[in-house]
Amino acid sequence: MDEAEAELKRLRGSIDNMDSALIHLLAERFKVTQRVGQLKATAGLPPADPQREAHQIARLRALAVEADLDPELAEKFLTFIVREVVRHHEQIAAEQN
């Protein structure tokens, strides 16, 4: 194996480790948001909170800039997650009615 192939293997190993960490973090995040959905349904609160979502988008865009990450990517990522969370919250609310 030449030097470039060895470096490629090492870098890909790092990427694989980070992907694993991201999946575990997402799983933990969704466990917490499931609990939020249950609380909202029990309290009769709406599944979506546009004000909170806007605040989170602004916060993550700022964090992305600090981390030298494209803020558009951060916003797209959060928007995808929020859509899934709201869908879960809607399902929880429907199950409780």
PDB file of N, CA and C in Angstrom:
ATOM      1  N   MET A   1       0.866  -1.171   0.000  1.00  0.00           N
ATOM      2  CA  MET A   1       0.000   0.000   0.000  1.00  0.00           C
ATOM      3  C   MET A   1       0.911   1.232   0.000  1.00  0.00           C
ATOM      4  N   ASP A   2       0.651   2.131  -0.915  1.00  0.00           N
ATOM      5  CA  ASP A   2       1.500   3.319  -0.952  1.00  0.00           C
ATOM      6  C   ASP A   2       1.025   4.358   0.052  1.00  0.00           C
ATOM      7  N   GLU A   3       1.764   5.424   0.147  1.00  0.00           N
ATOM      8  CA  GLU A   3       1.488   6.463   1.154  1.00  0.00           C
ATOM      9  C   GLU A   3       0.095   7.082   1.008  1.00  0.00           C
ATOM     10  N   ALA A   4      -0.307   7.358  -0.231  1.00  0.00           N
ATOM     11  CA  ALA A   4      -1.622   7.976  -0.463  1.00  0.00           C
ATOM     12  C   ALA A   4      -2.744   7.035  -0.032  1.00  0.00           C
ATOM     13  N   GLU A   5      -2.603   5.756  -0.356  1.00  0.00           N
ATOM     14  CA  GLU A   5      -3.636   4.785   0.030  1.00  0.00           C
ATOM     15  C   GLU A   5      -3.719   4.632   1.543  1.00  0.00           C
ATOM     16  N   ALA A   6      -2.584   4.650   2.205  1.00  0.00           N
ATOM     17  CA  ALA A   6      -2.564   4.551   3.669  1.00  0.00           C
ATOM     18  C   ALA A   6      -3.246   5.761   4.299  1.00  0.00           C
ATOM     19  N   GLU A   7      -2.957   6.939   3.767  1.00  0.00           N
ATOM     20  CA  GLU A   7      -3.584   8.167   4.292  1.00  0.00           C
ATOM     21  C   GLU A   7      -5.082   8.158   4.022  1.00  0.00           C
ATOM     22  N   LEU A   8      -5.475   7.704   2.836  1.00  0.00           N
ATOM     23  CA  LEU A   8      -6.900   7.614   2.498  1.00  0.00           C
ATOM     24  C   LEU A   8      -7.612   6.668   3.460  1.00  0.00           C
ATOM     25  N   LYS A   9      -7.000   5.540   3.749  1.00  0.00           N
ATOM     26  CA  LYS A   9      -7.593   4.584   4.688  1.00  0.00           C
ATOM     27  C   LYS A   9      -7.735   5.209   6.078  1.00  0.00           C
ATOM     28  N   ARG A  10      -6.710   5.920   6.536  1.00  0.00           N
ATOM     29  CA  ARG A  10      -6.754   6.572   7.846  1.00  0.00           C
ATOM     30  C   ARG A  10      -7.852   7.625   7.894  1.00  0.00           C
ATOM     31  N   LEU A  11      -7.936   8.456   6.852  1.00  0.00           N
ATOM     32  CA  LEU A  11      -8.965   9.499   6.813  1.00  0.00           C
ATOM     33  C   LEU A  11     -10.370   8.906   6.780  1.00  0.00           C
ATOM     34  N   ARG A  12     -10.540   7.866   5.985  1.00  0.00           N
ATOM     35  CA  ARG A  12     -11.854   7.218   5.921  1.00  0.00           C
ATOM     36  C   ARG A  12     -12.233   6.582   7.248  1.00  0.00           C
ATOM     37  N   GLY A  13     -11.254   6.061   7.971  1.00  0.00           N
ATOM     38  CA  GLY A  13     -11.524   5.534   9.307  1.00  0.00           C
ATOM     39  C   GLY A  13     -12.026   6.627  10.237  1.00  0.00           C
ATOM     40  N   SER A  14     -11.423   7.805  10.138  1.00  0.00           N
ATOM     41  CA  SER A  14     -11.885   8.948  10.945  1.00  0.00           C
ATOM     42  C   SER A  14     -13.308   9.341  10.565  1.00  0.00           C
ATOM     43  N   ILE A  15     -13.588   9.371   9.274  1.00  0.00           N
ATOM     44  CA  ILE A  15     -14.940   9.697   8.807  1.00  0.00           C
ATOM     45  C   ILE A  15     -15.941   8.673   9.343  1.00  0.00           C
ATOM     46  N   ASP A  16     -15.599   7.402   9.271  1.00  0.00           N
ATOM     47  CA  ASP A  16     -16.491   6.349   9.773  1.00  0.00           C
ATOM     48  C   ASP A  16     -16.766   6.527  11.265  1.00  0.00           C
ATOM     49  N   ASN A  17     -15.740   6.856  12.024  1.00  0.00           N
ATOM     50  CA  ASN A  17     -15.924   7.091  13.463  1.00  0.00           C
ATOM     51  C   ASN A  17     -16.848   8.275  13.718  1.00  0.00           C
ATOM     52  N   MET A  18     -16.667   9.348  12.967  1.00  0.00           N
ATOM     53  CA  MET A  18     -17.529  10.525  13.140  1.00  0.00           C
ATOM     54  C   MET A  18     -18.969  10.213  12.735  1.00  0.00           C
ATOM     55  N   ASP A  19     -19.144   9.446  11.658  1.00  0.00           N
ATOM     56  CA  ASP A  19     -20.499   9.058  11.253  1.00  0.00           C
ATOM     57  C   ASP A  19     -21.178   8.255  12.357  1.00  0.00           C
ATOM     58  N   SER A  20     -20.445   7.357  12.983  1.00  0.00           N
ATOM     59  CA  SER A  20     -21.002   6.574  14.092  1.00  0.00           C
ATOM     60  C   SER A  20     -21.419   7.487  15.238  1.00  0.00           C
ATOM     61  N   ALA A  21     -20.563   8.449  15.568  1.00  0.00           N
ATOM     62  CA  ALA A  21     -20.887   9.382  16.646  1.00  0.00           C
ATOM     63  C   ALA A  21     -22.130  10.200  16.298  1.00  0.00           C
ATOM     64  N   LEU A  22     -22.231  10.643  15.044  1.00  0.00           N
ATOM     65  CA  LEU A  22     -23.408  11.414  14.625  1.00  0.00           C
ATOM     66  C   LEU A  22     -24.691  10.597  14.768  1.00  0.00           C
ATOM     67  N   ILE A  23     -24.652   9.338  14.367  1.00  0.00           N
ATOM     68  CA  ILE A  23     -25.840   8.480  14.475  1.00  0.00           C
ATOM     69  C   ILE A  23     -26.252   8.312  15.928  1.00  0.00           C
ATOM     70  N   HIS A  24     -25.282   8.078  16.805  1.00  0.00           N
ATOM     71  CA  HIS A  24     -25.602   7.925  18.223  1.00  0.00           C
ATOM     72  C   HIS A  24     -26.151   9.232  18.813  1.00  0.00           C
ATOM     73  N   LEU A  25     -25.584  10.362  18.428  1.00  0.00           N
ATOM     74  CA  LEU A  25     -26.102  11.650  18.902  1.00  0.00           C
ATOM     75  C   LEU A  25     -27.520  11.900  18.401  1.00  0.00           C
ATOM     76  N   LEU A  26     -27.776  11.578  17.133  1.00  0.00           N
ATOM     77  CA  LEU A  26     -29.136  11.738  16.601  1.00  0.00           C
ATOM     78  C   LEU A  26     -30.120  10.849  17.341  1.00  0.00           C
ATOM     79  N   ALA A  27     -29.714   9.630  17.634  1.00  0.00           N
ATOM     80  CA  ALA A  27     -30.597   8.717  18.375  1.00  0.00           C
ATOM     81  C   ALA A  27     -30.938   9.301  19.744  1.00  0.00           C
ATOM     82  N   GLU A  28     -29.941   9.819  20.435  1.00  0.00           N
ATOM     83  CA  GLU A  28     -30.187  10.424  21.747  1.00  0.00           C
ATOM     84  C   GLU A  28     -31.078  11.656  21.620  1.00  0.00           C
ATOM     85  N   ARG A  29     -30.829  12.468  20.591  1.00  0.00           N
ATOM     86  CA  ARG A  29     -31.636  13.666  20.384  1.00  0.00           C
ATOM     87  C   ARG A  29     -33.104  13.294  20.165  1.00  0.00           C
ATOM     88  N   PHE A  30     -33.336  12.263  19.350  1.00  0.00           N
ATOM     89  CA  PHE A  30     -34.714  11.871  19.071  1.00  0.00           C
ATOM     90  C   PHE A  30     -35.386  11.243  20.288  1.00  0.00           C
ATOM     91  N   LYS A  31     -34.632  10.592  21.158  1.00  0.00           N
ATOM     92  CA  LYS A  31     -35.227  10.090  22.399  1.00  0.00           C
ATOM     93  C   LYS A  31     -35.747  11.257  23.237  1.00  0.00           C
ATOM     94  N   VAL A  32     -34.969  12.321  23.302  1.00  0.00           N
ATOM     95  CA  VAL A  32     -35.394  13.497  24.078  1.00  0.00           C
ATOM     96  C   VAL A  32     -36.583  14.176  23.403  1.00  0.00           C
ATOM     97  N   THR A  33     -36.543  14.311  22.074  1.00  0.00           N
ATOM     98  CA  THR A  33     -37.658  14.989  21.401  1.00  0.00           C
ATOM     99  C   THR A  33     -38.937  14.161  21.464  1.00  0.00           C
ATOM    100  N   GLN A  34     -38.814  12.829  21.567  1.00  0.00           N
ATOM    101  CA  GLN A  34     -40.014  12.008  21.768  1.00  0.00           C
ATOM    102  C   GLN A  34     -40.669  12.370  23.098  1.00  0.00           C
ATOM    103  N   ARG A  35     -39.863  12.562  24.104  1.00  0.00           N
ATOM    104  CA  ARG A  35     -40.382  12.959  25.425  1.00  0.00           C
ATOM    105  C   ARG A  35     -41.035  14.340  25.344  1.00  0.00           C
ATOM    106  N   VAL A  36     -40.401  15.249  24.603  1.00  0.00           N
ATOM    107  CA  VAL A  36     -40.988  16.583  24.396  1.00  0.00           C
ATOM    108  C   VAL A  36     -42.350  16.437  23.723  1.00  0.00           C
ATOM    109  N   GLY A  37     -42.439  15.571  22.728  1.00  0.00           N
ATOM    110  CA  GLY A  37     -43.707  15.350  22.032  1.00  0.00           C
ATOM    111  C   GLY A  37     -44.780  14.821  22.964  1.00  0.00           C
ATOM    112  N   GLN A  38     -44.398  13.929  23.865  1.00  0.00           N
ATOM    113  CA  GLN A  38     -45.360  13.401  24.836  1.00  0.00           C
ATOM    114  C   GLN A  38     -45.841  14.508  25.778  1.00  0.00           C
ATOM    115  N   LEU A  39     -44.919  15.334  26.231  1.00  0.00           N
ATOM    116  CA  LEU A  39     -45.297  16.450  27.113  1.00  0.00           C
ATOM    117  C   LEU A  39     -46.223  17.426  26.406  1.00  0.00           C
ATOM    118  N   LYS A  40     -45.890  17.748  25.148  1.00  0.00           N
ATOM    119  CA  LYS A  40     -46.734  18.671  24.377  1.00  0.00           C
ATOM    120  C   LYS A  40     -48.138  18.095  24.194  1.00  0.00           C
ATOM    121  N   ALA A  41     -48.216  16.816  23.846  1.00  0.00           N
ATOM    122  CA  ALA A  41     -49.522  16.192  23.622  1.00  0.00           C
ATOM    123  C   ALA A  41     -50.340  16.189  24.901  1.00  0.00           C
ATOM    124  N   THR A  42     -49.716  15.844  26.015  1.00  0.00           N
ATOM    125  CA  THR A  42     -50.414  15.811  27.300  1.00  0.00           C
ATOM    126  C   THR A  42     -50.905  17.195  27.703  1.00  0.00           C
ATOM    127  N   ALA A  43     -50.096  18.214  27.419  1.00  0.00           N
ATOM    128  CA  ALA A  43     -50.448  19.592  27.795  1.00  0.00           C
ATOM    129  C   ALA A  43     -51.317  20.286  26.750  1.00  0.00           C
ATOM    130  N   GLY A  44     -51.594  19.610  25.638  1.00  0.00           N
ATOM    131  CA  GLY A  44     -52.418  20.207  24.595  1.00  0.00           C
ATOM    132  C   GLY A  44     -51.690  21.276  23.793  1.00  0.00           C
ATOM    133  N   LEU A  45     -50.369  21.212  23.766  1.00  0.00           N
ATOM    134  CA  LEU A  45     -49.576  22.191  23.011  1.00  0.00           C
ATOM    135  C   LEU A  45     -49.423  21.719  21.568  1.00  0.00           C
ATOM    136  N   PRO A  46     -49.246  22.644  20.634  1.00  0.00           N
ATOM    137  CA  PRO A  46     -49.098  22.253  19.229  1.00  0.00           C
ATOM    138  C   PRO A  46     -47.787  21.496  18.994  1.00  0.00           C
ATOM    139  N   PRO A  47     -47.782  20.594  18.005  1.00  0.00           N
ATOM    140  CA  PRO A  47     -46.577  19.826  17.710  1.00  0.00           C
ATOM    141  C   PRO A  47     -45.396  20.691  17.254  1.00  0.00           C
ATOM    142  N   ALA A  48     -45.675  21.771  16.550  1.00  0.00           N
ATOM    143  CA  ALA A  48     -44.621  22.644  16.033  1.00  0.00           C
ATOM    144  C   ALA A  48     -44.558  23.927  16.856  1.00  0.00           C
ATOM    145  N   ASP A  49     -43.374  24.487  16.930  1.00  0.00           N
ATOM    146  CA  ASP A  49     -43.147  25.754  17.628  1.00  0.00           C
ATOM    147  C   ASP A  49     -42.279  26.625  16.724  1.00  0.00           C
ATOM    148  N   PRO A  50     -42.921  27.341  15.778  1.00  0.00           N
ATOM    149  CA  PRO A  50     -42.161  28.124  14.799  1.00  0.00           C
ATOM    150  C   PRO A  50     -41.185  29.134  15.422  1.00  0.00           C
ATOM    151  N   GLN A  51     -41.550  29.720  16.546  1.00  0.00           N
ATOM    152  CA  GLN A  51     -40.654  30.681  17.192  1.00  0.00           C
ATOM    153  C   GLN A  51     -39.384  29.978  17.684  1.00  0.00           C
ATOM    154  N   ARG A  52     -39.538  28.840  18.311  1.00  0.00           N
ATOM    155  CA  ARG A  52     -38.384  28.053  18.780  1.00  0.00           C
ATOM    156  C   ARG A  52     -37.533  27.616  17.587  1.00  0.00           C
ATOM    157  N   GLU A  53     -38.188  27.161  16.525  1.00  0.00           N
ATOM    158  CA  GLU A  53     -37.466  26.700  15.340  1.00  0.00           C
ATOM    159  C   GLU A  53     -36.638  27.828  14.732  1.00  0.00           C
ATOM    160  N   ALA A  54     -37.212  29.020  14.631  1.00  0.00           N
ATOM    161  CA  ALA A  54     -36.485  30.171  14.069  1.00  0.00           C
ATOM    162  C   ALA A  54     -35.276  30.522  14.945  1.00  0.00           C
ATOM    163  N   HIS A  55     -35.480  30.475  16.258  1.00  0.00           N
ATOM    164  CA  HIS A  55     -34.380  30.758  17.181  1.00  0.00           C
ATOM    165  C   HIS A  55     -33.256  29.726  17.010  1.00  0.00           C
ATOM    166  N   GLN A  56     -33.637  28.453  16.900  1.00  0.00           N
ATOM    167  CA  GLN A  56     -32.640  27.396  16.754  1.00  0.00           C
ATOM    168  C   GLN A  56     -31.872  27.515  15.439  1.00  0.00           C
ATOM    169  N   ILE A  57     -32.577  27.867  14.368  1.00  0.00           N
ATOM    170  CA  ILE A  57     -31.903  28.042  13.081  1.00  0.00           C
ATOM    171  C   ILE A  57     -30.871  29.164  13.188  1.00  0.00           C
ATOM    172  N   ALA A  58     -31.263  30.282  13.774  1.00  0.00           N
ATOM    173  CA  ALA A  58     -30.322  31.401  13.929  1.00  0.00           C
ATOM    174  C   ALA A  58     -29.132  30.985  14.791  1.00  0.00           C
ATOM    175  N   ARG A  59     -29.400  30.267  15.862  1.00  0.00           N
ATOM    176  CA  ARG A  59     -28.339  29.825  16.764  1.00  0.00           C
ATOM    177  C   ARG A  59     -27.371  28.874  16.057  1.00  0.00           C
ATOM    178  N   LEU A  60     -27.906  27.909  15.314  1.00  0.00           N
ATOM    179  CA  LEU A  60     -27.039  26.951  14.634  1.00  0.00           C
ATOM    180  C   LEU A  60     -26.285  27.576  13.473  1.00  0.00           C
ATOM    181  N   ARG A  61     -26.906  28.544  12.807  1.00  0.00           N
ATOM    182  CA  ARG A  61     -26.176  29.255  11.743  1.00  0.00           C
ATOM    183  C   ARG A  61     -24.975  29.983  12.337  1.00  0.00           C
ATOM    184  N   ALA A  62     -25.166  30.611  13.489  1.00  0.00           N
ATOM    185  CA  ALA A  62     -24.055  31.316  14.145  1.00  0.00           C
ATOM    186  C   ALA A  62     -22.975  30.326  14.582  1.00  0.00           C
ATOM    187  N   LEU A  63     -23.377  29.200  15.146  1.00  0.00           N
ATOM    188  CA  LEU A  63     -22.412  28.173  15.535  1.00  0.00           C
ATOM    189  C   LEU A  63     -21.641  27.657  14.322  1.00  0.00           C
ATOM    190  N   ALA A  64     -22.346  27.500  13.213  1.00  0.00           N
ATOM    191  CA  ALA A  64     -21.697  27.021  11.989  1.00  0.00           C
ATOM    192  C   ALA A  64     -20.622  27.999  11.535  1.00  0.00           C
ATOM    193  N   VAL A  65     -20.934  29.280  11.572  1.00  0.00           N
ATOM    194  CA  VAL A  65     -19.950  30.295  11.176  1.00  0.00           C
ATOM    195  C   VAL A  65     -18.728  30.196  12.082  1.00  0.00           C
ATOM    196  N   GLU A  66     -18.950  30.072  13.386  1.00  0.00           N
ATOM    197  CA  GLU A  66     -17.835  29.947  14.345  1.00  0.00           C
ATOM    198  C   GLU A  66     -17.002  28.700  14.063  1.00  0.00           C
ATOM    199  N   ALA A  67     -17.648  27.638  13.612  1.00  0.00           N
ATOM    200  CA  ALA A  67     -16.966  26.365  13.363  1.00  0.00           C
ATOM    201  C   ALA A  67     -16.413  26.256  11.945  1.00  0.00           C
ATOM    202  N   ASP A  68     -16.550  27.332  11.180  1.00  0.00           N
ATOM    203  CA  ASP A  68     -16.095  27.349   9.788  1.00  0.00           C
ATOM    204  C   ASP A  68     -16.834  26.313   8.946  1.00  0.00           C
ATOM    205  N   LEU A  69     -18.142  26.237   9.175  1.00  0.00           N
ATOM    206  CA  LEU A  69     -19.037  25.359   8.425  1.00  0.00           C
ATOM    207  C   LEU A  69     -20.042  26.234   7.694  1.00  0.00           C
ATOM    208  N   ASP A  70     -20.434  25.837   6.519  1.00  0.00           N
ATOM    209  CA  ASP A  70     -21.414  26.585   5.742  1.00  0.00           C
ATOM    210  C   ASP A  70     -22.726  26.685   6.530  1.00  0.00           C
ATOM    211  N   PRO A  71     -23.176  27.908   6.870  1.00  0.00           N
ATOM    212  CA  PRO A  71     -24.416  28.048   7.633  1.00  0.00           C
ATOM    213  C   PRO A  71     -25.646  27.525   6.886  1.00  0.00           C
ATOM    214  N   GLU A  72     -25.598  27.528   5.560  1.00  0.00           N
ATOM    215  CA  GLU A  72     -26.709  26.959   4.786  1.00  0.00           C
ATOM    216  C   GLU A  72     -26.827  25.464   5.048  1.00  0.00           C
ATOM    217  N   LEU A  73     -25.694  24.794   5.124  1.00  0.00           N
ATOM    218  CA  LEU A  73     -25.702  23.362   5.429  1.00  0.00           C
ATOM    219  C   LEU A  73     -26.276  23.117   6.818  1.00  0.00           C
ATOM    220  N   ALA A  74     -25.859  23.912   7.786  1.00  0.00           N
ATOM    221  CA  ALA A  74     -26.371  23.764   9.151  1.00  0.00           C
ATOM    222  C   ALA A  74     -27.879  23.969   9.180  1.00  0.00           C
ATOM    223  N   GLU A  75     -28.366  24.974   8.458  1.00  0.00           N
ATOM    224  CA  GLU A  75     -29.806  25.232   8.432  1.00  0.00           C
ATOM    225  C   GLU A  75     -30.560  24.083   7.762  1.00  0.00           C
ATOM    226  N   LYS A  76     -30.050  23.582   6.662  1.00  0.00           N
ATOM    227  CA  LYS A  76     -30.712  22.454   5.983  1.00  0.00           C
ATOM    228  C   LYS A  76     -30.760  21.231   6.888  1.00  0.00           C
ATOM    229  N   PHE A  77     -29.674  20.986   7.592  1.00  0.00           N
ATOM    230  CA  PHE A  77     -29.598  19.858   8.508  1.00  0.00           C
ATOM    231  C   PHE A  77     -30.641  19.999   9.613  1.00  0.00           C
ATOM    232  N   LEU A  78     -30.696  21.164  10.244  1.00  0.00           N
ATOM    233  CA  LEU A  78     -31.662  21.378  11.321  1.00  0.00           C
ATOM    234  C   LEU A  78     -33.095  21.324  10.792  1.00  0.00           C
ATOM    235  N   THR A  79     -33.337  21.894   9.638  1.00  0.00           N
ATOM    236  CA  THR A  79     -34.689  21.885   9.062  1.00  0.00           C
ATOM    237  C   THR A  79     -35.168  20.455   8.826  1.00  0.00           C
ATOM    238  N   PHE A  80     -34.274  19.615   8.328  1.00  0.00           N
ATOM    239  CA  PHE A  80     -34.632  18.209   8.133  1.00  0.00           C
ATOM    240  C   PHE A  80     -34.991  17.548   9.460  1.00  0.00           C
ATOM    241  N   ILE A  81     -34.174  17.766  10.473  1.00  0.00           N
ATOM    242  CA  ILE A  81     -34.418  17.170  11.786  1.00  0.00           C
ATOM    243  C   ILE A  81     -35.736  17.679  12.371  1.00  0.00           C
ATOM    244  N   VAL A  82     -35.971  18.976  12.284  1.00  0.00           N
ATOM    245  CA  VAL A  82     -37.195  19.565  12.841  1.00  0.00           C
ATOM    246  C   VAL A  82     -38.426  18.989  12.148  1.00  0.00           C
ATOM    247  N   ARG A  83     -38.360  18.815  10.834  1.00  0.00           N
ATOM    248  CA  ARG A  83     -39.502  18.212  10.116  1.00  0.00           C
ATOM    249  C   ARG A  83     -39.817  16.832  10.667  1.00  0.00           C
ATOM    250  N   GLU A  84     -38.780  16.039  10.914  1.00  0.00           N
ATOM    251  CA  GLU A  84     -38.979  14.706  11.469  1.00  0.00           C
ATOM    252  C   GLU A  84     -39.540  14.776  12.893  1.00  0.00           C
ATOM    253  N   VAL A  85     -39.014  15.678  13.689  1.00  0.00           N
ATOM    254  CA  VAL A  85     -39.485  15.833  15.070  1.00  0.00           C
ATOM    255  C   VAL A  85     -40.962  16.223  15.082  1.00  0.00           C
ATOM    256  N   VAL A  86     -41.345  17.188  14.264  1.00  0.00           N
ATOM    257  CA  VAL A  86     -42.745  17.637  14.212  1.00  0.00           C
ATOM    258  C   VAL A  86     -43.640  16.486  13.755  1.00  0.00           C
ATOM    259  N   ARG A  87     -43.169  15.713  12.787  1.00  0.00           N
ATOM    260  CA  ARG A  87     -43.950  14.554  12.322  1.00  0.00           C
ATOM    261  C   ARG A  87     -44.159  13.567  13.475  1.00  0.00           C
ATOM    262  N   HIS A  88     -43.114  13.331  14.237  1.00  0.00           N
ATOM    263  CA  HIS A  88     -43.247  12.448  15.405  1.00  0.00           C
ATOM    264  C   HIS A  88     -44.213  13.030  16.436  1.00  0.00           C
ATOM    265  N   HIS A  89     -44.113  14.321  16.669  1.00  0.00           N
ATOM    266  CA  HIS A  89     -45.005  14.972  17.640  1.00  0.00           C
ATOM    267  C   HIS A  89     -46.459  14.892  17.182  1.00  0.00           C
ATOM    268  N   GLU A  90     -46.683  15.045  15.894  1.00  0.00           N
ATOM    269  CA  GLU A  90     -48.046  14.911  15.356  1.00  0.00           C
ATOM    270  C   GLU A  90     -48.568  13.489  15.554  1.00  0.00           C
ATOM    271  N   GLN A  91     -47.723  12.504  15.357  1.00  0.00           N
ATOM    272  CA  GLN A  91     -48.133  11.101  15.569  1.00  0.00           C
ATOM    273  C   GLN A  91     -48.461  10.857  17.040  1.00  0.00           C
ATOM    274  N   ILE A  92     -47.640  11.380  17.928  1.00  0.00           N
ATOM    275  CA  ILE A  92     -47.879  11.196  19.358  1.00  0.00           C
ATOM    276  C   ILE A  92     -49.208  11.846  19.741  1.00  0.00           C
ATOM    277  N   ALA A  93     -49.444  13.065  19.246  1.00  0.00           N
ATOM    278  CA  ALA A  93     -50.697  13.774  19.559  1.00  0.00           C
ATOM    279  C   ALA A  93     -51.898  12.998  19.032  1.00  0.00           C
ATOM    280  N   ALA A  94     -51.786  12.461  17.830  1.00  0.00           N
ATOM    281  CA  ALA A  94     -52.894  11.703  17.237  1.00  0.00           C
ATOM    282  C   ALA A  94     -53.175  10.434  18.045  1.00  0.00           C
ATOM    283  N   GLU A  95     -52.145   9.797  18.544  1.00  0.00           N
ATOM    284  CA  GLU A  95     -52.306   8.581  19.338  1.00  0.00           C
ATOM    285  C   GLU A  95     -52.969   8.859  20.674  1.00  0.00           C
ATOM    286  N   GLN A  96     -52.776  10.079  21.207  1.00  0.00           N
ATOM    287  CA  GLN A  96     -53.357  10.415  22.501  1.00  0.00           C
ATOM    288  C   GLN A  96     -54.802  10.891  22.405  1.00  0.00           C
ATOM    289  N   ASN A  97     -55.251  11.145  21.204  1.00  0.00           N
ATOM    290  CA  ASN A  97     -56.652  11.613  21.021  1.00  0.00           C
ATOM    291  C   ASN A  97     -57.568  10.479  20.659  1.00  0.00           C
TER     292      ASN A  97
END
